[in-house]
Amino acid sequence: MSAIAILLIVNLDAFSQSPRKYYHISNGWTDLNVSGKIAGKFSWQIENQHRREDMQGDYNSSTITGNPYNNLNQHVFRPYIHFQLNPNVRFSLMPLGWIGSNRFKEGQPAAFFSELRITPQVILTQNFGRLRMDHKFRYEFRWIGKDVSVDDKSFLYSGDFSDATFKERFRYQLKAVLPINHAKMDDKTLYVQAYDEVFINIGKNVSNINMFDQNRAMIGLGYKFNRFLAVEAGYLQQTIYRFNNSTKDNVDINNVLQLNLAVSNFEQIFRKKQ
């Protein structure tokens, strides 16, 4: 892990040397995460995330409302199949995920595009007393559709992939979870969590300036009611190195209020007690 840390520090240091224009944008993300067992070491998970924001894209201060839920930014649907090799290693595959995003002009949605994504993933877990550390490695194969009118969205938003753009991206996340009022993650446990995640664009068509895509840093609290239900709230800072303006120096700082609801062991919720 030390080699990865050194690589990330070098990249971050390189990006900090030249002047940038930073644009702060208020966001509100809500996430519903449902998971359950399949058989043996196999399990499933469905993540449905709704992302909203105040203003984005044209950086026009007159469009700011102060409401982080003002406009739909993205809708993310990610299904996963997991294989738990042992308590410390989990392999996962997202066979086909869908992300729908708005493009903005003058503070309002001006176009819509969809993305299809296939994602293999590995999570390595370490335990240090009551502290759990997760190392998540994710590789994304991405097909990004064409822009369509915001009025052309169907019930499932669909998308135009007649001339899709193919991209690849690597993500590494280091996450820490610490229970507060119990030694382990038992029922009625309050816990604190934090993570940092880097996004690296991959491929021969990626220029050096666009190699480092974004960084996400989060800190928050969670409460596990029982083995079926947990809620989480936190602050996430998403730094996106866009560099797509005329001077190639624009960076978005998304200040995100994140609210999560996690439902686990779904297949057992309605099972009658013996």
C-alpha atoms as a PDB file:
ATOM      1  CA  MET A   1       0.000   0.000   0.000  1.00  0.00           C
ATOM      2  CA  SER A   2       2.966   2.346   0.561  1.00  0.00           C
ATOM      3  CA  ALA A   3       3.684   2.425  -3.191  1.00  0.00           C
ATOM      4  CA  ILE A   4       0.099   3.490  -3.909  1.00  0.00           C
ATOM      5  CA  ALA A   5       0.269   6.183  -1.238  1.00  0.00           C
ATOM      6  CA  ILE A   6       3.511   7.583  -2.671  1.00  0.00           C
ATOM      7  CA  LEU A   7       2.022   7.611  -6.178  1.00  0.00           C
ATOM      8  CA  LEU A   8      -1.054   9.498  -5.005  1.00  0.00           C
ATOM      9  CA  ILE A   9       1.001  12.041  -3.056  1.00  0.00           C
ATOM     10  CA  VAL A  10       3.154  12.712  -6.112  1.00  0.00           C
ATOM     11  CA  ASN A  11       0.083  13.223  -8.309  1.00  0.00           C
ATOM     12  CA  LEU A  12      -1.610  15.508  -5.791  1.00  0.00           C
ATOM     13  CA  ASP A  13       1.577  17.536  -5.328  1.00  0.00           C
ATOM     14  CA  ALA A  14       1.953  17.951  -9.085  1.00  0.00           C
ATOM     15  CA  PHE A  15      -1.584  19.254  -9.449  1.00  0.00           C
ATOM     16  CA  SER A  16      -1.138  21.731  -6.612  1.00  0.00           C
ATOM     17  CA  GLN A  17       1.805  23.550  -8.207  1.00  0.00           C
ATOM     18  CA  SER A  18      -0.062  25.621 -10.807  1.00  0.00           C
ATOM     19  CA  PRO A  19      -2.928  28.114 -10.218  1.00  0.00           C
ATOM     20  CA  ARG A  20      -6.490  26.865 -10.554  1.00  0.00           C
ATOM     21  CA  LYS A  21      -9.978  28.386 -10.591  1.00  0.00           C
ATOM     22  CA  TYR A  22     -12.101  26.674  -7.954  1.00  0.00           C
ATOM     23  CA  TYR A  23     -15.902  26.686  -8.133  1.00  0.00           C
ATOM     24  CA  HIS A  24     -17.810  25.609  -5.014  1.00  0.00           C
ATOM     25  CA  ILE A  25     -21.157  23.922  -5.650  1.00  0.00           C
ATOM     26  CA  SER A  26     -23.677  22.727  -3.037  1.00  0.00           C
ATOM     27  CA  ASN A  27     -24.925  19.146  -3.489  1.00  0.00           C
ATOM     28  CA  GLY A  28     -27.355  16.770  -1.791  1.00  0.00           C
ATOM     29  CA  TRP A  29     -26.936  13.029  -2.400  1.00  0.00           C
ATOM     30  CA  THR A  30     -29.334  10.366  -1.126  1.00  0.00           C
ATOM     31  CA  ASP A  31     -28.568   6.666  -1.382  1.00  0.00           C
ATOM     32  CA  LEU A  32     -30.667   3.527  -0.960  1.00  0.00           C
ATOM     33  CA  ASN A  33     -28.556   0.395  -0.624  1.00  0.00           C
ATOM     34  CA  VAL A  34     -30.283  -3.001  -0.480  1.00  0.00           C
ATOM     35  CA  SER A  35     -28.404  -6.311  -0.146  1.00  0.00           C
ATOM     36  CA  GLY A  36     -29.056  -9.976   0.549  1.00  0.00           C
ATOM     37  CA  LYS A  37     -27.718 -13.510   0.322  1.00  0.00           C
ATOM     38  CA  ILE A  38     -27.835 -15.739  -2.748  1.00  0.00           C
ATOM     39  CA  ALA A  39     -26.201 -19.005  -1.650  1.00  0.00           C
ATOM     40  CA  GLY A  40     -22.989 -20.021   0.043  1.00  0.00           C
ATOM     41  CA  LYS A  41     -20.422 -17.251  -0.351  1.00  0.00           C
ATOM     42  CA  PHE A  42     -22.465 -15.385  -2.970  1.00  0.00           C
ATOM     43  CA  SER A  43     -24.577 -12.307  -2.247  1.00  0.00           C
ATOM     44  CA  TRP A  44     -26.225  -9.455  -4.150  1.00  0.00           C
ATOM     45  CA  GLN A  45     -26.514  -5.710  -3.758  1.00  0.00           C
ATOM     46  CA  ILE A  46     -28.504  -2.953  -5.463  1.00  0.00           C
ATOM     47  CA  GLU A  47     -27.528   0.688  -5.027  1.00  0.00           C
ATOM     48  CA  ASN A  48     -29.880   3.456  -6.142  1.00  0.00           C
ATOM     49  CA  GLN A  49     -28.409   6.923  -5.693  1.00  0.00           C
ATOM     50  CA  HIS A  50     -30.068  10.269  -6.402  1.00  0.00           C
ATOM     51  CA  ARG A  51     -27.747  13.267  -6.719  1.00  0.00           C
ATOM     52  CA  ARG A  52     -28.981  16.841  -6.791  1.00  0.00           C
ATOM     53  CA  GLU A  53     -27.180  20.187  -6.810  1.00  0.00           C
ATOM     54  CA  ASP A  54     -27.599  23.938  -6.751  1.00  0.00           C
ATOM     55  CA  MET A  55     -25.684  25.149  -9.794  1.00  0.00           C
ATOM     56  CA  GLN A  56     -23.145  23.593 -12.143  1.00  0.00           C
ATOM     57  CA  GLY A  57     -21.495  23.880 -15.519  1.00  0.00           C
ATOM     58  CA  ASP A  58     -21.476  27.558 -16.403  1.00  0.00           C
ATOM     59  CA  TYR A  59     -20.260  28.901 -13.035  1.00  0.00           C
ATOM     60  CA  ASN A  60     -22.678  31.807 -13.145  1.00  0.00           C
ATOM     61  CA  SER A  61     -22.988  33.131  -9.597  1.00  0.00           C
ATOM     62  CA  SER A  62     -26.394  34.640 -10.363  1.00  0.00           C
ATOM     63  CA  THR A  63     -27.865  31.121 -10.707  1.00  0.00           C
ATOM     64  CA  ILE A  64     -26.990  30.120  -7.118  1.00  0.00           C
ATOM     65  CA  THR A  65     -30.095  29.555  -4.986  1.00  0.00           C
ATOM     66  CA  GLY A  66     -28.546  28.166  -1.788  1.00  0.00           C
ATOM     67  CA  ASN A  67     -30.590  24.979  -2.211  1.00  0.00           C
ATOM     68  CA  PRO A  68     -28.366  21.890  -2.717  1.00  0.00           C
ATOM     69  CA  TYR A  69     -31.420  19.948  -3.962  1.00  0.00           C
ATOM     70  CA  ASN A  70     -32.399  22.534  -6.583  1.00  0.00           C
ATOM     71  CA  ASN A  71     -31.536  20.560  -9.763  1.00  0.00           C
ATOM     72  CA  LEU A  72     -31.208  16.899 -10.664  1.00  0.00           C
ATOM     73  CA  ASN A  73     -27.546  16.209 -11.335  1.00  0.00           C
ATOM     74  CA  GLN A  74     -27.308  12.419 -11.630  1.00  0.00           C
ATOM     75  CA  HIS A  75     -29.243   9.232 -11.043  1.00  0.00           C
ATOM     76  CA  VAL A  76     -27.052   6.176 -10.385  1.00  0.00           C
ATOM     77  CA  PHE A  77     -28.224   2.561 -10.497  1.00  0.00           C
ATOM     78  CA  ARG A  78     -25.580  -0.050  -9.599  1.00  0.00           C
ATOM     79  CA  PRO A  79     -26.316  -3.784  -9.125  1.00  0.00           C
ATOM     80  CA  TYR A  80     -23.549  -6.050  -7.776  1.00  0.00           C
ATOM     81  CA  ILE A  81     -22.847  -9.745  -7.355  1.00  0.00           C
ATOM     82  CA  HIS A  82     -20.370 -10.481  -4.536  1.00  0.00           C
ATOM     83  CA  PHE A  83     -18.205 -13.489  -3.709  1.00  0.00           C
ATOM     84  CA  GLN A  84     -16.826 -13.485  -0.142  1.00  0.00           C
ATOM     85  CA  LEU A  85     -13.649 -15.542  -0.454  1.00  0.00           C
ATOM     86  CA  ASN A  86     -12.908 -15.152   3.257  1.00  0.00           C
ATOM     87  CA  PRO A  87     -13.585 -12.526   5.960  1.00  0.00           C
ATOM     88  CA  ASN A  88     -10.835 -10.306   4.529  1.00  0.00           C
ATOM     89  CA  VAL A  89     -11.304 -10.639   0.754  1.00  0.00           C
ATOM     90  CA  ARG A  90     -14.415  -9.956  -1.359  1.00  0.00           C
ATOM     91  CA  PHE A  91     -14.645 -10.072  -5.151  1.00  0.00           C
ATOM     92  CA  SER A  92     -17.480  -8.212  -6.874  1.00  0.00           C
ATOM     93  CA  LEU A  93     -18.885  -7.595 -10.329  1.00  0.00           C
ATOM     94  CA  MET A  94     -21.331  -4.981 -11.499  1.00  0.00           C
ATOM     95  CA  PRO A  95     -22.599  -6.675 -14.700  1.00  0.00           C
ATOM     96  CA  LEU A  96     -24.293  -3.543 -16.015  1.00  0.00           C
ATOM     97  CA  GLY A  97     -24.845  -0.263 -14.213  1.00  0.00           C
ATOM     98  CA  TRP A  98     -26.633   2.841 -15.466  1.00  0.00           C
ATOM     99  CA  ILE A  99     -25.881   6.494 -14.752  1.00  0.00           C
ATOM    100  CA  GLY A 100     -28.030   9.333 -16.088  1.00  0.00           C
ATOM    101  CA  SER A 101     -26.662  12.889 -15.926  1.00  0.00           C
ATOM    102  CA  ASN A 102     -27.817  16.397 -16.769  1.00  0.00           C
ATOM    103  CA  ARG A 103     -25.657  19.024 -18.421  1.00  0.00           C
ATOM    104  CA  PHE A 104     -26.299  22.597 -17.296  1.00  0.00           C
ATOM    105  CA  LYS A 105     -26.482  26.041 -18.818  1.00  0.00           C
ATOM    106  CA  GLU A 106     -27.352  29.213 -16.919  1.00  0.00           C
ATOM    107  CA  GLY A 107     -28.018  27.117 -13.825  1.00  0.00           C
ATOM    108  CA  GLN A 108     -30.665  24.907 -15.457  1.00  0.00           C
ATOM    109  CA  PRO A 109     -30.555  21.435 -17.071  1.00  0.00           C
ATOM    110  CA  ALA A 110     -29.888  21.933 -20.795  1.00  0.00           C
ATOM    111  CA  ALA A 111     -29.128  18.383 -22.002  1.00  0.00           C
ATOM    112  CA  PHE A 112     -29.171  14.819 -20.741  1.00  0.00           C
ATOM    113  CA  PHE A 113     -26.878  11.844 -21.355  1.00  0.00           C
ATOM    114  CA  SER A 114     -26.688   8.266 -20.110  1.00  0.00           C
ATOM    115  CA  GLU A 115     -23.781   5.997 -19.271  1.00  0.00           C
ATOM    116  CA  LEU A 116     -23.560   2.204 -19.138  1.00  0.00           C
ATOM    117  CA  ARG A 117     -20.871   0.715 -16.936  1.00  0.00           C
ATOM    118  CA  ILE A 118     -19.339  -2.722 -16.221  1.00  0.00           C
ATOM    119  CA  THR A 119     -17.230  -2.850 -13.075  1.00  0.00           C
ATOM    120  CA  PRO A 120     -15.084  -5.551 -11.444  1.00  0.00           C
ATOM    121  CA  GLN A 121     -14.072  -4.779  -7.865  1.00  0.00           C
ATOM    122  CA  VAL A 122     -12.003  -6.173  -4.989  1.00  0.00           C
ATOM    123  CA  ILE A 123     -12.234  -5.165  -1.319  1.00  0.00           C
ATOM    124  CA  LEU A 124      -9.483  -6.113   1.136  1.00  0.00           C
ATOM    125  CA  THR A 125     -10.347  -5.744   4.828  1.00  0.00           C
ATOM    126  CA  GLN A 126      -8.029  -5.269   7.798  1.00  0.00           C
ATOM    127  CA  ASN A 127      -9.062  -5.163  11.471  1.00  0.00           C
ATOM    128  CA  PHE A 128      -7.119  -3.332  14.155  1.00  0.00           C
ATOM    129  CA  GLY A 129      -9.040  -3.929  17.356  1.00  0.00           C
ATOM    130  CA  ARG A 130     -12.438  -2.314  16.845  1.00  0.00           C
ATOM    131  CA  LEU A 131     -11.208  -0.303  13.825  1.00  0.00           C
ATOM    132  CA  ARG A 132     -11.962  -1.759  10.368  1.00  0.00           C
ATOM    133  CA  MET A 133     -10.014  -0.627   7.305  1.00  0.00           C
ATOM    134  CA  ASP A 134     -11.266  -1.390   3.774  1.00  0.00           C
ATOM    135  CA  HIS A 135      -9.138  -1.078   0.645  1.00  0.00           C
ATOM    136  CA  LYS A 136     -11.442  -0.957  -2.393  1.00  0.00           C
ATOM    137  CA  PHE A 137     -10.034  -1.399  -5.894  1.00  0.00           C
ATOM    138  CA  ARG A 138     -12.509  -0.726  -8.719  1.00  0.00           C
ATOM    139  CA  TYR A 139     -12.011  -0.719 -12.504  1.00  0.00           C
ATOM    140  CA  GLU A 140     -14.705   0.821 -14.670  1.00  0.00           C
ATOM    141  CA  PHE A 141     -15.500   0.106 -18.316  1.00  0.00           C
ATOM    142  CA  ARG A 142     -17.703   3.013 -19.386  1.00  0.00           C
ATOM    143  CA  TRP A 143     -19.899   3.623 -22.450  1.00  0.00           C
ATOM    144  CA  ILE A 144     -21.065   7.256 -22.476  1.00  0.00           C
ATOM    145  CA  GLY A 145     -24.048   8.068 -24.678  1.00  0.00           C
ATOM    146  CA  LYS A 146     -24.836  11.126 -26.759  1.00  0.00           C
ATOM    147  CA  ASP A 147     -26.508  14.251 -25.438  1.00  0.00           C
ATOM    148  CA  VAL A 148     -30.266  14.351 -25.870  1.00  0.00           C
ATOM    149  CA  SER A 149     -32.904  16.922 -24.991  1.00  0.00           C
ATOM    150  CA  VAL A 150     -33.963  16.977 -21.352  1.00  0.00           C
ATOM    151  CA  ASP A 151     -37.517  16.491 -22.662  1.00  0.00           C
ATOM    152  CA  ASP A 152     -36.584  13.173 -24.350  1.00  0.00           C
ATOM    153  CA  LYS A 153     -36.079  11.223 -21.106  1.00  0.00           C
ATOM    154  CA  SER A 154     -38.289   8.148 -20.860  1.00  0.00           C
ATOM    155  CA  PHE A 155     -39.540   6.573 -17.636  1.00  0.00           C
ATOM    156  CA  LEU A 156     -36.190   4.818 -17.229  1.00  0.00           C
ATOM    157  CA  TYR A 157     -34.352   7.732 -18.884  1.00  0.00           C
ATOM    158  CA  SER A 158     -32.924   5.263 -21.471  1.00  0.00           C
ATOM    159  CA  GLY A 159     -30.267   7.139 -23.512  1.00  0.00           C
ATOM    160  CA  ASP A 160     -28.786   7.340 -27.001  1.00  0.00           C
ATOM    161  CA  PHE A 161     -25.826   4.951 -27.433  1.00  0.00           C
ATOM    162  CA  SER A 162     -25.760   5.018 -31.249  1.00  0.00           C
ATOM    163  CA  ASP A 163     -22.347   6.716 -31.123  1.00  0.00           C
ATOM    164  CA  ALA A 164     -21.125   6.017 -27.592  1.00  0.00           C
ATOM    165  CA  THR A 165     -17.738   7.103 -26.257  1.00  0.00           C
ATOM    166  CA  PHE A 166     -15.748   4.371 -24.505  1.00  0.00           C
ATOM    167  CA  LYS A 167     -13.658   5.252 -21.442  1.00  0.00           C
ATOM    168  CA  GLU A 168     -11.870   3.408 -18.644  1.00  0.00           C
ATOM    169  CA  ARG A 169     -11.196   4.485 -15.079  1.00  0.00           C
ATOM    170  CA  PHE A 170      -9.452   3.088 -11.998  1.00  0.00           C
ATOM    171  CA  ARG A 171     -10.604   3.931  -8.478  1.00  0.00           C
ATOM    172  CA  TYR A 172      -8.966   3.269  -5.117  1.00  0.00           C
ATOM    173  CA  GLN A 173     -10.735   3.956  -1.829  1.00  0.00           C
ATOM    174  CA  LEU A 174      -9.335   3.702   1.697  1.00  0.00           C
ATOM    175  CA  LYS A 175     -12.162   3.587   4.239  1.00  0.00           C
ATOM    176  CA  ALA A 176     -12.157   3.415   8.061  1.00  0.00           C
ATOM    177  CA  VAL A 177     -15.144   2.437  10.220  1.00  0.00           C
ATOM    178  CA  LEU A 178     -15.061   2.703  14.023  1.00  0.00           C
ATOM    179  CA  PRO A 179     -17.945   1.694  16.332  1.00  0.00           C
ATOM    180  CA  ILE A 180     -18.375   4.109  19.240  1.00  0.00           C
ATOM    181  CA  ASN A 181     -20.704   2.664  21.858  1.00  0.00           C
ATOM    182  CA  HIS A 182     -19.929  -1.018  21.231  1.00  0.00           C
ATOM    183  CA  ALA A 183     -16.729  -2.944  20.643  1.00  0.00           C
ATOM    184  CA  LYS A 184     -18.215  -4.476  17.463  1.00  0.00           C
ATOM    185  CA  MET A 185     -20.900  -3.579  14.941  1.00  0.00           C
ATOM    186  CA  ASP A 186     -23.736  -5.048  16.996  1.00  0.00           C
ATOM    187  CA  ASP A 187     -27.354  -3.913  17.081  1.00  0.00           C
ATOM    188  CA  LYS A 188     -27.898  -0.301  18.212  1.00  0.00           C
ATOM    189  CA  THR A 189     -24.346   0.701  17.353  1.00  0.00           C
ATOM    190  CA  LEU A 190     -23.315   4.290  16.661  1.00  0.00           C
ATOM    191  CA  TYR A 191     -20.244   4.480  14.436  1.00  0.00           C
ATOM    192  CA  VAL A 192     -18.021   6.987  12.698  1.00  0.00           C
ATOM    193  CA  GLN A 193     -16.665   6.457   9.215  1.00  0.00           C
ATOM    194  CA  ALA A 194     -14.301   8.247   6.856  1.00  0.00           C
ATOM    195  CA  TYR A 195     -12.795   7.564   3.474  1.00  0.00           C
ATOM    196  CA  ASP A 196     -10.719   9.027   0.681  1.00  0.00           C
ATOM    197  CA  GLU A 197     -11.066   7.861  -2.924  1.00  0.00           C
ATOM    198  CA  VAL A 198      -9.024   8.754  -6.003  1.00  0.00           C
ATOM    199  CA  PHE A 199     -10.155   8.387  -9.637  1.00  0.00           C
ATOM    200  CA  ILE A 200      -7.591   7.834 -12.398  1.00  0.00           C
ATOM    201  CA  ASN A 201      -8.564   7.951 -16.081  1.00  0.00           C
ATOM    202  CA  ILE A 202      -6.988   5.140 -18.110  1.00  0.00           C
ATOM    203  CA  GLY A 203      -6.457   4.687 -21.859  1.00  0.00           C
ATOM    204  CA  LYS A 204      -4.411   5.842 -24.822  1.00  0.00           C
ATOM    205  CA  ASN A 205      -6.778   8.744 -25.529  1.00  0.00           C
ATOM    206  CA  VAL A 206      -6.367  10.272 -22.059  1.00  0.00           C
ATOM    207  CA  SER A 207      -4.125  13.335 -22.006  1.00  0.00           C
ATOM    208  CA  ASN A 208      -1.749  13.901 -19.111  1.00  0.00           C
ATOM    209  CA  ILE A 209      -3.770  16.835 -17.827  1.00  0.00           C
ATOM    210  CA  ASN A 210      -6.916  14.677 -17.623  1.00  0.00           C
ATOM    211  CA  MET A 211      -5.315  11.576 -16.106  1.00  0.00           C
ATOM    212  CA  PHE A 212      -6.227  12.538 -12.534  1.00  0.00           C
ATOM    213  CA  ASP A 213     -10.017  12.721 -12.726  1.00  0.00           C
ATOM    214  CA  GLN A 214     -11.252  13.452  -9.213  1.00  0.00           C
ATOM    215  CA  ASN A 215     -10.927  12.897  -5.489  1.00  0.00           C
ATOM    216  CA  ARG A 216     -13.619  12.262  -2.871  1.00  0.00           C
ATOM    217  CA  ALA A 217     -13.124  12.705   0.873  1.00  0.00           C
ATOM    218  CA  MET A 218     -15.936  11.896   3.320  1.00  0.00           C
ATOM    219  CA  ILE A 219     -16.514  11.879   7.049  1.00  0.00           C
ATOM    220  CA  GLY A 220     -19.775  10.973   8.741  1.00  0.00           C
ATOM    221  CA  LEU A 221     -21.785   9.126  11.358  1.00  0.00           C
ATOM    222  CA  GLY A 222     -23.907   6.008  11.097  1.00  0.00           C
ATOM    223  CA  TYR A 223     -26.327   4.110  13.291  1.00  0.00           C
ATOM    224  CA  LYS A 224     -26.957   0.383  12.943  1.00  0.00           C
ATOM    225  CA  PHE A 225     -30.397  -0.411  14.306  1.00  0.00           C
ATOM    226  CA  ASN A 226     -30.133  -4.159  13.763  1.00  0.00           C
ATOM    227  CA  ARG A 227     -28.904  -6.646  11.164  1.00  0.00           C
ATOM    228  CA  PHE A 228     -31.472  -5.313   8.707  1.00  0.00           C
ATOM    229  CA  LEU A 229     -31.251  -1.530   8.881  1.00  0.00           C
ATOM    230  CA  ALA A 230     -28.639   1.231   9.161  1.00  0.00           C
ATOM    231  CA  VAL A 231     -28.692   4.970   8.432  1.00  0.00           C
ATOM    232  CA  GLU A 232     -25.748   7.233   7.665  1.00  0.00           C
ATOM    233  CA  ALA A 233     -25.154  10.963   7.271  1.00  0.00           C
ATOM    234  CA  GLY A 234     -21.973  12.766   6.369  1.00  0.00           C
ATOM    235  CA  TYR A 235     -20.121  15.500   4.544  1.00  0.00           C
ATOM    236  CA  LEU A 236     -18.364  14.618   1.294  1.00  0.00           C
ATOM    237  CA  GLN A 237     -16.051  16.883  -0.667  1.00  0.00           C
ATOM    238  CA  GLN A 238     -15.817  15.902  -4.324  1.00  0.00           C
ATOM    239  CA  THR A 239     -12.997  17.607  -6.219  1.00  0.00           C
ATOM    240  CA  ILE A 240     -13.346  17.246 -10.010  1.00  0.00           C
ATOM    241  CA  TYR A 241     -10.415  18.352 -12.176  1.00  0.00           C
ATOM    242  CA  ARG A 242     -12.403  19.285 -15.283  1.00  0.00           C
ATOM    243  CA  PHE A 243      -9.855  21.481 -17.130  1.00  0.00           C
ATOM    244  CA  ASN A 244     -12.382  21.881 -19.960  1.00  0.00           C
ATOM    245  CA  ASN A 245     -12.589  25.679 -20.150  1.00  0.00           C
ATOM    246  CA  SER A 246     -10.549  27.894 -22.484  1.00  0.00           C
ATOM    247  CA  THR A 247      -7.676  28.249 -19.986  1.00  0.00           C
ATOM    248  CA  LYS A 248      -7.775  24.598 -18.805  1.00  0.00           C
ATOM    249  CA  ASP A 249      -7.794  25.572 -15.130  1.00  0.00           C
ATOM    250  CA  ASN A 250     -11.351  24.987 -13.811  1.00  0.00           C
ATOM    251  CA  VAL A 251     -11.852  22.704 -10.810  1.00  0.00           C
ATOM    252  CA  ASP A 252     -15.244  21.890  -9.274  1.00  0.00           C
ATOM    253  CA  ILE A 253     -15.471  21.555  -5.491  1.00  0.00           C
ATOM    254  CA  ASN A 254     -18.756  19.820  -4.726  1.00  0.00           C
ATOM    255  CA  ASN A 255     -19.749  20.221  -1.079  1.00  0.00           C
ATOM    256  CA  VAL A 256     -22.080  17.295  -0.553  1.00  0.00           C
ATOM    257  CA  LEU A 257     -24.585  16.486   2.185  1.00  0.00           C
ATOM    258  CA  GLN A 258     -24.796  12.701   1.970  1.00  0.00           C
ATOM    259  CA  LEU A 259     -27.710  10.690   3.422  1.00  0.00           C
ATOM    260  CA  ASN A 260     -27.731   6.874   3.152  1.00  0.00           C
ATOM    261  CA  LEU A 261     -30.210   4.134   4.024  1.00  0.00           C
ATOM    262  CA  ALA A 262     -28.825   0.570   4.037  1.00  0.00           C
ATOM    263  CA  VAL A 263     -31.090  -2.479   4.099  1.00  0.00           C
ATOM    264  CA  SER A 264     -29.250  -5.790   4.667  1.00  0.00           C
ATOM    265  CA  ASN A 265     -30.274  -9.458   4.730  1.00  0.00           C
ATOM    266  CA  PHE A 266     -33.291  -8.504   2.649  1.00  0.00           C
ATOM    267  CA  GLU A 267     -34.446 -12.072   2.084  1.00  0.00           C
ATOM    268  CA  GLN A 268     -34.800 -12.578   5.852  1.00  0.00           C
ATOM    269  CA  ILE A 269     -36.835  -9.475   6.681  1.00  0.00           C
ATOM    270  CA  PHE A 270     -40.206 -11.072   5.950  1.00  0.00           C
ATOM    271  CA  ARG A 271     -39.267 -14.544   7.155  1.00  0.00           C
ATOM    272  CA  LYS A 272     -41.301 -15.661  10.148  1.00  0.00           C
ATOM    273  CA  LYS A 273     -39.412 -16.397  13.333  1.00  0.00           C
ATOM    274  CA  GLN A 274     -39.241 -20.070  14.180  1.00  0.00           C
END
